[in-house]
Amino acid sequence: NRYATKKTIAQGMLDIALLTANASQLKYILQVGEQH
């Protein structure tokens, strides 16, 4: 049970890292606008 909980937390952290990268990409695409 402890292993499963730690695994879930680790996966959540990776999800946050990818979410941060996507938010940065979204910011960029919105700044550039339709010129992209």
PDB file of all heavy atoms in Angstrom:
ATOM      1  N   ASN A   1       0.837  -1.198   0.000  1.00  0.00           N
ATOM      2  CA  ASN A   1       0.000   0.000   0.000  1.00  0.00           C
ATOM      3  C   ASN A   1       0.875   1.253   0.000  1.00  0.00           C
ATOM      4  O   ASN A   1       0.602   2.217  -0.717  1.00  0.00           O
ATOM      5  CB  ASN A   1      -0.929   0.006   1.211  1.00  0.00           C
ATOM      6  CG  ASN A   1      -2.065   0.982   1.067  1.00  0.00           C
ATOM      7  OD1 ASN A   1      -2.653   1.090  -0.002  1.00  0.00           O
ATOM      8  ND2 ASN A   1      -2.351   1.693   2.139  1.00  0.00           N
ATOM      9  N   ARG A   2       1.944   1.211   0.764  1.00  0.00           N
ATOM     10  CA  ARG A   2       2.874   2.346   0.834  1.00  0.00           C
ATOM     11  C   ARG A   2       3.557   2.555  -0.519  1.00  0.00           C
ATOM     12  O   ARG A   2       3.715   3.685  -0.972  1.00  0.00           O
ATOM     13  CB  ARG A   2       3.901   2.076   1.924  1.00  0.00           C
ATOM     14  CG  ARG A   2       4.733   3.250   2.283  1.00  0.00           C
ATOM     15  CD  ARG A   2       5.560   2.939   3.499  1.00  0.00           C
ATOM     16  NE  ARG A   2       6.222   4.145   3.942  1.00  0.00           N
ATOM     17  CZ  ARG A   2       7.183   4.168   4.801  1.00  0.00           C
ATOM     18  NH1 ARG A   2       7.612   3.037   5.348  1.00  0.00           N
ATOM     19  NH2 ARG A   2       7.748   5.296   5.145  1.00  0.00           N
ATOM     20  N   TYR A   3       3.953   1.460  -1.148  1.00  0.00           N
ATOM     21  CA  TYR A   3       4.571   1.536  -2.476  1.00  0.00           C
ATOM     22  C   TYR A   3       3.610   2.159  -3.483  1.00  0.00           C
ATOM     23  O   TYR A   3       3.989   3.047  -4.258  1.00  0.00           O
ATOM     24  CB  TYR A   3       4.987   0.141  -2.957  1.00  0.00           C
ATOM     25  CG  TYR A   3       5.340   0.110  -4.418  1.00  0.00           C
ATOM     26  CD1 TYR A   3       6.568   0.572  -4.860  1.00  0.00           C
ATOM     27  CD2 TYR A   3       4.431  -0.352  -5.363  1.00  0.00           C
ATOM     28  CE1 TYR A   3       6.891   0.570  -6.205  1.00  0.00           C
ATOM     29  CE2 TYR A   3       4.736  -0.357  -6.707  1.00  0.00           C
ATOM     30  CZ  TYR A   3       5.978   0.096  -7.123  1.00  0.00           C
ATOM     31  OH  TYR A   3       6.278   0.096  -8.454  1.00  0.00           O
ATOM     32  N   ALA A   4       2.376   1.720  -3.466  1.00  0.00           N
ATOM     33  CA  ALA A   4       1.385   2.245  -4.401  1.00  0.00           C
ATOM     34  C   ALA A   4       1.158   3.743  -4.171  1.00  0.00           C
ATOM     35  O   ALA A   4       1.037   4.516  -5.122  1.00  0.00           O
ATOM     36  CB  ALA A   4       0.070   1.482  -4.263  1.00  0.00           C
ATOM     37  N   THR A   5       1.138   4.149  -2.910  1.00  0.00           N
ATOM     38  CA  THR A   5       0.955   5.562  -2.596  1.00  0.00           C
ATOM     39  C   THR A   5       2.137   6.380  -3.091  1.00  0.00           C
ATOM     40  O   THR A   5       1.962   7.436  -3.710  1.00  0.00           O
ATOM     41  CB  THR A   5       0.782   5.755  -1.074  1.00  0.00           C
ATOM     42  OG1 THR A   5      -0.342   4.981  -0.652  1.00  0.00           O
ATOM     43  CG2 THR A   5       0.571   7.212  -0.719  1.00  0.00           C
ATOM     44  N   LYS A   6       3.356   5.891  -2.849  1.00  0.00           N
ATOM     45  CA  LYS A   6       4.552   6.611  -3.316  1.00  0.00           C
ATOM     46  C   LYS A   6       4.596   6.670  -4.840  1.00  0.00           C
ATOM     47  O   LYS A   6       4.980   7.684  -5.417  1.00  0.00           O
ATOM     48  CB  LYS A   6       5.818   5.944  -2.777  1.00  0.00           C
ATOM     49  CG  LYS A   6       6.046   6.210  -1.314  1.00  0.00           C
ATOM     50  CD  LYS A   6       7.344   5.587  -0.858  1.00  0.00           C
ATOM     51  CE  LYS A   6       7.609   5.893   0.604  1.00  0.00           C
ATOM     52  NZ  LYS A   6       8.903   5.369   1.036  1.00  0.00           N
ATOM     53  N   LYS A   7       4.202   5.589  -5.481  1.00  0.00           N
ATOM     54  CA  LYS A   7       4.169   5.553  -6.942  1.00  0.00           C
ATOM     55  C   LYS A   7       3.182   6.578  -7.477  1.00  0.00           C
ATOM     56  O   LYS A   7       3.463   7.300  -8.433  1.00  0.00           O
ATOM     57  CB  LYS A   7       3.789   4.153  -7.414  1.00  0.00           C
ATOM     58  CG  LYS A   7       3.707   3.995  -8.911  1.00  0.00           C
ATOM     59  CD  LYS A   7       3.266   2.586  -9.272  1.00  0.00           C
ATOM     60  CE  LYS A   7       2.851   2.568 -10.725  1.00  0.00           C
ATOM     61  NZ  LYS A   7       1.862   1.578 -11.019  1.00  0.00           N
ATOM     62  N   THR A   8       2.034   6.662  -6.861  1.00  0.00           N
ATOM     63  CA  THR A   8       1.020   7.629  -7.277  1.00  0.00           C
ATOM     64  C   THR A   8       1.531   9.055  -7.092  1.00  0.00           C
ATOM     65  O   THR A   8       1.334   9.916  -7.957  1.00  0.00           O
ATOM     66  CB  THR A   8      -0.281   7.416  -6.487  1.00  0.00           C
ATOM     67  OG1 THR A   8      -0.741   6.088  -6.725  1.00  0.00           O
ATOM     68  CG2 THR A   8      -1.351   8.413  -6.885  1.00  0.00           C
ATOM     69  N   ILE A   9       2.203   9.325  -5.998  1.00  0.00           N
ATOM     70  CA  ILE A   9       2.756  10.653  -5.751  1.00  0.00           C
ATOM     71  C   ILE A   9       3.823  10.988  -6.792  1.00  0.00           C
ATOM     72  O   ILE A   9       3.845  12.098  -7.340  1.00  0.00           O
ATOM     73  CB  ILE A   9       3.324  10.747  -4.317  1.00  0.00           C
ATOM     74  CG1 ILE A   9       2.176  10.716  -3.305  1.00  0.00           C
ATOM     75  CG2 ILE A   9       4.157  12.018  -4.137  1.00  0.00           C
ATOM     76  CD1 ILE A   9       2.626  10.552  -1.871  1.00  0.00           C
ATOM     77  N   ALA A  10       4.692  10.037  -7.102  1.00  0.00           N
ATOM     78  CA  ALA A  10       5.736  10.261  -8.111  1.00  0.00           C
ATOM     79  C   ALA A  10       5.119  10.535  -9.484  1.00  0.00           C
ATOM     80  O   ALA A  10       5.563  11.442 -10.208  1.00  0.00           O
ATOM     81  CB  ALA A  10       6.672   9.054  -8.177  1.00  0.00           C
ATOM     82  N   GLN A  11       4.093   9.785  -9.840  1.00  0.00           N
ATOM     83  CA  GLN A  11       3.421  10.013 -11.112  1.00  0.00           C
ATOM     84  C   GLN A  11       2.760  11.383 -11.126  1.00  0.00           C
ATOM     85  O   GLN A  11       2.767  12.072 -12.149  1.00  0.00           O
ATOM     86  CB  GLN A  11       2.375   8.925 -11.365  1.00  0.00           C
ATOM     87  CG  GLN A  11       2.974   7.592 -11.735  1.00  0.00           C
ATOM     88  CD  GLN A  11       1.932   6.493 -11.838  1.00  0.00           C
ATOM     89  OE1 GLN A  11       0.906   6.534 -11.183  1.00  0.00           O
ATOM     90  NE2 GLN A  11       2.213   5.499 -12.656  1.00  0.00           N
ATOM     91  N   GLY A  12       2.226  11.786  -9.996  1.00  0.00           N
ATOM     92  CA  GLY A  12       1.613  13.106  -9.891  1.00  0.00           C
ATOM     93  C   GLY A  12       2.634  14.213 -10.093  1.00  0.00           C
ATOM     94  O   GLY A  12       2.349  15.230 -10.742  1.00  0.00           O
ATOM     95  N   MET A  13       3.824  14.032  -9.554  1.00  0.00           N
ATOM     96  CA  MET A  13       4.883  15.023  -9.739  1.00  0.00           C
ATOM     97  C   MET A  13       5.302  15.122 -11.200  1.00  0.00           C
ATOM     98  O   MET A  13       5.549  16.220 -11.715  1.00  0.00           O
ATOM     99  CB  MET A  13       6.080  14.691  -8.859  1.00  0.00           C
ATOM    100  CG  MET A  13       5.854  14.940  -7.401  1.00  0.00           C
ATOM    101  SD  MET A  13       7.358  14.587  -6.493  1.00  0.00           S
ATOM    102  CE  MET A  13       6.711  14.329  -4.874  1.00  0.00           C
ATOM    103  N   LEU A  14       5.400  13.995 -11.874  1.00  0.00           N
ATOM    104  CA  LEU A  14       5.720  14.013 -13.298  1.00  0.00           C
ATOM    105  C   LEU A  14       4.612  14.695 -14.087  1.00  0.00           C
ATOM    106  O   LEU A  14       4.882  15.434 -15.051  1.00  0.00           O
ATOM    107  CB  LEU A  14       5.947  12.589 -13.816  1.00  0.00           C
ATOM    108  CG  LEU A  14       7.217  11.903 -13.333  1.00  0.00           C
ATOM    109  CD1 LEU A  14       7.239  10.447 -13.767  1.00  0.00           C
ATOM    110  CD2 LEU A  14       8.443  12.624 -13.843  1.00  0.00           C
ATOM    111  N   ASP A  15       3.377  14.469 -13.680  1.00  0.00           N
ATOM    112  CA  ASP A  15       2.247  15.117 -14.336  1.00  0.00           C
ATOM    113  C   ASP A  15       2.325  16.628 -14.158  1.00  0.00           C
ATOM    114  O   ASP A  15       2.055  17.382 -15.094  1.00  0.00           O
ATOM    115  CB  ASP A  15       0.932  14.571 -13.773  1.00  0.00           C
ATOM    116  CG  ASP A  15      -0.266  14.978 -14.602  1.00  0.00           C
ATOM    117  OD1 ASP A  15      -0.170  14.942 -15.843  1.00  0.00           O
ATOM    118  OD2 ASP A  15      -1.292  15.319 -14.011  1.00  0.00           O
ATOM    119  N   ILE A  16       2.726  17.081 -12.987  1.00  0.00           N
ATOM    120  CA  ILE A  16       2.874  18.516 -12.738  1.00  0.00           C
ATOM    121  C   ILE A  16       3.975  19.102 -13.613  1.00  0.00           C
ATOM    122  O   ILE A  16       3.829  20.203 -14.150  1.00  0.00           O
ATOM    123  CB  ILE A  16       3.136  18.786 -11.236  1.00  0.00           C
ATOM    124  CG1 ILE A  16       1.872  18.500 -10.438  1.00  0.00           C
ATOM    125  CG2 ILE A  16       3.611  20.214 -11.001  1.00  0.00           C
ATOM    126  CD1 ILE A  16       2.050  18.522  -8.946  1.00  0.00           C
ATOM    127  N   ALA A  17       5.073  18.364 -13.794  1.00  0.00           N
ATOM    128  CA  ALA A  17       6.156  18.843 -14.654  1.00  0.00           C
ATOM    129  C   ALA A  17       5.678  18.999 -16.097  1.00  0.00           C
ATOM    130  O   ALA A  17       5.973  20.009 -16.762  1.00  0.00           O
ATOM    131  CB  ALA A  17       7.340  17.885 -14.591  1.00  0.00           C
ATOM    132  N   LEU A  18       4.936  18.033 -16.593  1.00  0.00           N
ATOM    133  CA  LEU A  18       4.415  18.115 -17.957  1.00  0.00           C
ATOM    134  C   LEU A  18       3.369  19.220 -18.071  1.00  0.00           C
ATOM    135  O   LEU A  18       3.334  19.945 -19.066  1.00  0.00           O
ATOM    136  CB  LEU A  18       3.813  16.774 -18.393  1.00  0.00           C
ATOM    137  CG  LEU A  18       3.300  16.699 -19.825  1.00  0.00           C
ATOM    138  CD1 LEU A  18       4.415  17.008 -20.817  1.00  0.00           C
ATOM    139  CD2 LEU A  18       2.722  15.328 -20.100  1.00  0.00           C
ATOM    140  N   LEU A  19       2.556  19.382 -17.052  1.00  0.00           N
ATOM    141  CA  LEU A  19       1.557  20.449 -17.040  1.00  0.00           C
ATOM    142  C   LEU A  19       2.238  21.819 -17.105  1.00  0.00           C
ATOM    143  O   LEU A  19       1.801  22.705 -17.838  1.00  0.00           O
ATOM    144  CB  LEU A  19       0.685  20.339 -15.786  1.00  0.00           C
ATOM    145  CG  LEU A  19      -0.474  21.310 -15.651  1.00  0.00           C
ATOM    146  CD1 LEU A  19      -1.470  21.115 -16.785  1.00  0.00           C
ATOM    147  CD2 LEU A  19      -1.159  21.114 -14.311  1.00  0.00           C
ATOM    148  N   THR A  20       3.337  21.970 -16.379  1.00  0.00           N
ATOM    149  CA  THR A  20       4.101  23.215 -16.404  1.00  0.00           C
ATOM    150  C   THR A  20       4.666  23.476 -17.795  1.00  0.00           C
ATOM    151  O   THR A  20       4.606  24.599 -18.299  1.00  0.00           O
ATOM    152  CB  THR A  20       5.236  23.164 -15.364  1.00  0.00           C
ATOM    153  OG1 THR A  20       4.668  22.923 -14.073  1.00  0.00           O
ATOM    154  CG2 THR A  20       6.026  24.450 -15.329  1.00  0.00           C
ATOM    155  N   ALA A  21       5.204  22.437 -18.426  1.00  0.00           N
ATOM    156  CA  ALA A  21       5.741  22.582 -19.781  1.00  0.00           C
ATOM    157  C   ALA A  21       4.632  22.969 -20.764  1.00  0.00           C
ATOM    158  O   ALA A  21       4.831  23.852 -21.611  1.00  0.00           O
ATOM    159  CB  ALA A  21       6.414  21.287 -20.222  1.00  0.00           C
ATOM    160  N   ASN A  22       3.473  22.340 -20.641  1.00  0.00           N
ATOM    161  CA  ASN A  22       2.360  22.677 -21.528  1.00  0.00           C
ATOM    162  C   ASN A  22       1.860  24.093 -21.285  1.00  0.00           C
ATOM    163  O   ASN A  22       1.482  24.796 -22.239  1.00  0.00           O
ATOM    164  CB  ASN A  22       1.215  21.687 -21.383  1.00  0.00           C
ATOM    165  CG  ASN A  22       1.451  20.390 -22.123  1.00  0.00           C
ATOM    166  OD1 ASN A  22       0.922  19.361 -21.743  1.00  0.00           O
ATOM    167  ND2 ASN A  22       2.227  20.404 -23.194  1.00  0.00           N
ATOM    168  N   ALA A  23       1.849  24.528 -20.046  1.00  0.00           N
ATOM    169  CA  ALA A  23       1.427  25.902 -19.745  1.00  0.00           C
ATOM    170  C   ALA A  23       2.392  26.897 -20.383  1.00  0.00           C
ATOM    171  O   ALA A  23       1.964  27.921 -20.936  1.00  0.00           O
ATOM    172  CB  ALA A  23       1.356  26.117 -18.234  1.00  0.00           C
ATOM    173  N   SER A  24       3.669  26.589 -20.353  1.00  0.00           N
ATOM    174  CA  SER A  24       4.670  27.436 -20.995  1.00  0.00           C
ATOM    175  C   SER A  24       4.467  27.464 -22.511  1.00  0.00           C
ATOM    176  O   SER A  24       4.548  28.526 -23.148  1.00  0.00           O
ATOM    177  CB  SER A  24       6.073  26.931 -20.652  1.00  0.00           C
ATOM    178  OG  SER A  24       7.045  27.676 -21.317  1.00  0.00           O
ATOM    179  N   GLN A  25       4.191  26.315 -23.094  1.00  0.00           N
ATOM    180  CA  GLN A  25       3.929  26.240 -24.532  1.00  0.00           C
ATOM    181  C   GLN A  25       2.671  27.025 -24.896  1.00  0.00           C
ATOM    182  O   GLN A  25       2.630  27.710 -25.916  1.00  0.00           O
ATOM    183  CB  GLN A  25       3.778  24.786 -24.973  1.00  0.00           C
ATOM    184  CG  GLN A  25       5.057  23.990 -24.895  1.00  0.00           C
ATOM    185  CD  GLN A  25       4.817  22.497 -25.071  1.00  0.00           C
ATOM    186  OE1 GLN A  25       3.745  21.985 -24.768  1.00  0.00           O
ATOM    187  NE2 GLN A  25       5.833  21.804 -25.550  1.00  0.00           N
ATOM    188  N   LEU A  26       1.651  26.930 -24.051  1.00  0.00           N
ATOM    189  CA  LEU A  26       0.411  27.659 -24.299  1.00  0.00           C
ATOM    190  C   LEU A  26       0.653  29.168 -24.236  1.00  0.00           C
ATOM    191  O   LEU A  26       0.151  29.924 -25.076  1.00  0.00           O
ATOM    192  CB  LEU A  26      -0.656  27.242 -23.281  1.00  0.00           C
ATOM    193  CG  LEU A  26      -2.035  27.870 -23.448  1.00  0.00           C
ATOM    194  CD1 LEU A  26      -2.645  27.495 -24.796  1.00  0.00           C
ATOM    195  CD2 LEU A  26      -2.944  27.427 -22.310  1.00  0.00           C
ATOM    196  N   LYS A  27       1.439  29.593 -23.266  1.00  0.00           N
ATOM    197  CA  LYS A  27       1.782  31.014 -23.145  1.00  0.00           C
ATOM    198  C   LYS A  27       2.483  31.493 -24.417  1.00  0.00           C
ATOM    199  O   LYS A  27       2.153  32.545 -24.961  1.00  0.00           O
ATOM    200  CB  LYS A  27       2.675  31.235 -21.929  1.00  0.00           C
ATOM    201  CG  LYS A  27       3.143  32.666 -21.764  1.00  0.00           C
ATOM    202  CD  LYS A  27       4.107  32.788 -20.611  1.00  0.00           C
ATOM    203  CE  LYS A  27       4.716  34.179 -20.578  1.00  0.00           C
ATOM    204  NZ  LYS A  27       5.786  34.281 -19.594  1.00  0.00           N
ATOM    205  N   TYR A  28       3.446  30.712 -24.871  1.00  0.00           N
ATOM    206  CA  TYR A  28       4.183  31.077 -26.089  1.00  0.00           C
ATOM    207  C   TYR A  28       3.248  31.173 -27.292  1.00  0.00           C
ATOM    208  O   TYR A  28       3.278  32.152 -28.035  1.00  0.00           O
ATOM    209  CB  TYR A  28       5.285  30.051 -26.361  1.00  0.00           C
ATOM    210  CG  TYR A  28       5.880  30.189 -27.742  1.00  0.00           C
ATOM    211  CD1 TYR A  28       6.762  31.215 -28.022  1.00  0.00           C
ATOM    212  CD2 TYR A  28       5.537  29.312 -28.763  1.00  0.00           C
ATOM    213  CE1 TYR A  28       7.300  31.361 -29.297  1.00  0.00           C
ATOM    214  CE2 TYR A  28       6.059  29.443 -30.028  1.00  0.00           C
ATOM    215  CZ  TYR A  28       6.952  30.469 -30.288  1.00  0.00           C
ATOM    216  OH  TYR A  28       7.465  30.618 -31.546  1.00  0.00           O
ATOM    217  N   ILE A  29       2.418  30.178 -27.472  1.00  0.00           N
ATOM    218  CA  ILE A  29       1.547  30.147 -28.661  1.00  0.00           C
ATOM    219  C   ILE A  29       0.548  31.303 -28.613  1.00  0.00           C
ATOM    220  O   ILE A  29       0.198  31.882 -29.646  1.00  0.00           O
ATOM    221  CB  ILE A  29       0.866  28.773 -28.827  1.00  0.00           C
ATOM    222  CG1 ILE A  29       0.596  28.464 -30.299  1.00  0.00           C
ATOM    223  CG2 ILE A  29      -0.426  28.663 -28.107  1.00  0.00           C
ATOM    224  CD1 ILE A  29       1.788  28.123 -31.080  1.00  0.00           C
ATOM    225  N   LEU A  30       0.099  31.665 -27.420  1.00  0.00           N
ATOM    226  CA  LEU A  30      -0.828  32.793 -27.295  1.00  0.00           C
ATOM    227  C   LEU A  30      -0.117  34.129 -27.533  1.00  0.00           C
ATOM    228  O   LEU A  30      -0.714  35.060 -28.077  1.00  0.00           O
ATOM    229  CB  LEU A  30      -1.508  32.780 -25.925  1.00  0.00           C
ATOM    230  CG  LEU A  30      -2.510  31.647 -25.709  1.00  0.00           C
ATOM    231  CD1 LEU A  30      -3.000  31.635 -24.266  1.00  0.00           C
ATOM    232  CD2 LEU A  30      -3.669  31.729 -26.689  1.00  0.00           C
ATOM    233  N   GLN A  31       1.157  34.218 -27.136  1.00  0.00           N
ATOM    234  CA  GLN A  31       1.914  35.439 -27.384  1.00  0.00           C
ATOM    235  C   GLN A  31       2.186  35.634 -28.869  1.00  0.00           C
ATOM    236  O   GLN A  31       2.077  36.738 -29.381  1.00  0.00           O
ATOM    237  CB  GLN A  31       3.246  35.414 -26.623  1.00  0.00           C
ATOM    238  CG  GLN A  31       3.102  35.688 -25.150  1.00  0.00           C
ATOM    239  CD  GLN A  31       4.422  35.597 -24.414  1.00  0.00           C
ATOM    240  OE1 GLN A  31       5.315  34.849 -24.799  1.00  0.00           O
ATOM    241  NE2 GLN A  31       4.541  36.348 -23.330  1.00  0.00           N
ATOM    242  N   VAL A  32       2.538  34.572 -29.547  1.00  0.00           N
ATOM    243  CA  VAL A  32       2.830  34.655 -30.974  1.00  0.00           C
ATOM    244  C   VAL A  32       1.540  34.854 -31.759  1.00  0.00           C
ATOM    245  O   VAL A  32       1.486  35.589 -32.738  1.00  0.00           O
ATOM    246  CB  VAL A  32       3.591  33.396 -31.455  1.00  0.00           C
ATOM    247  CG1 VAL A  32       3.729  33.377 -32.962  1.00  0.00           C
ATOM    248  CG2 VAL A  32       4.951  33.327 -30.789  1.00  0.00           C
ATOM    249  N   GLY A  33       0.483  34.209 -31.320  1.00  0.00           N
ATOM    250  CA  GLY A  33      -0.816  34.364 -31.961  1.00  0.00           C
ATOM    251  C   GLY A  33      -0.886  33.658 -33.298  1.00  0.00           C
ATOM    252  O   GLY A  33      -0.171  32.680 -33.555  1.00  0.00           O
ATOM    253  N   GLU A  34      -1.716  34.173 -34.158  1.00  0.00           N
ATOM    254  CA  GLU A  34      -1.977  33.520 -35.440  1.00  0.00           C
ATOM    255  C   GLU A  34      -0.810  33.626 -36.411  1.00  0.00           C
ATOM    256  O   GLU A  34      -0.876  33.066 -37.507  1.00  0.00           O
ATOM    257  CB  GLU A  34      -3.265  34.066 -36.048  1.00  0.00           C
ATOM    258  CG  GLU A  34      -4.467  33.670 -35.212  1.00  0.00           C
ATOM    259  CD  GLU A  34      -5.784  33.858 -35.929  1.00  0.00           C
ATOM    260  OE1 GLU A  34      -5.807  33.910 -37.172  1.00  0.00           O
ATOM    261  OE2 GLU A  34      -6.795  33.934 -35.224  1.00  0.00           O
ATOM    262  N   GLN A  35       0.240  34.328 -36.020  1.00  0.00           N
ATOM    263  CA  GLN A  35       1.443  34.365 -36.855  1.00  0.00           C
ATOM    264  C   GLN A  35       2.152  33.017 -36.848  1.00  0.00           C
ATOM    265  O   GLN A  35       2.937  32.735 -37.744  1.00  0.00           O
ATOM    266  CB  GLN A  35       2.394  35.460 -36.380  1.00  0.00           C
ATOM    267  CG  GLN A  35       1.838  36.852 -36.619  1.00  0.00           C
ATOM    268  CD  GLN A  35       2.750  37.931 -36.076  1.00  0.00           C
ATOM    269  OE1 GLN A  35       3.606  37.660 -35.250  1.00  0.00           O
ATOM    270  NE2 GLN A  35       2.562  39.144 -36.535  1.00  0.00           N
ATOM    271  N   HIS A  36       1.897  32.222 -35.817  1.00  0.00           N
ATOM    272  CA  HIS A  36       2.486  30.881 -35.789  1.00  0.00           C
ATOM    273  C   HIS A  36       1.822  30.051 -36.882  1.00  0.00           C
ATOM    274  O   HIS A  36       0.605  30.092 -37.062  1.00  0.00           O
ATOM    275  CB  HIS A  36       2.275  30.233 -34.418  1.00  0.00           C
ATOM    276  CG  HIS A  36       3.065  28.980 -34.221  1.00  0.00           C
ATOM    277  ND1 HIS A  36       2.668  27.773 -34.740  1.00  0.00           N
ATOM    278  CD2 HIS A  36       4.231  28.759 -33.574  1.00  0.00           C
ATOM    279  CE1 HIS A  36       3.559  26.850 -34.413  1.00  0.00           C
ATOM    280  NE2 HIS A  36       4.520  27.423 -33.701  1.00  0.00           N
TER     281      HIS A  36
END
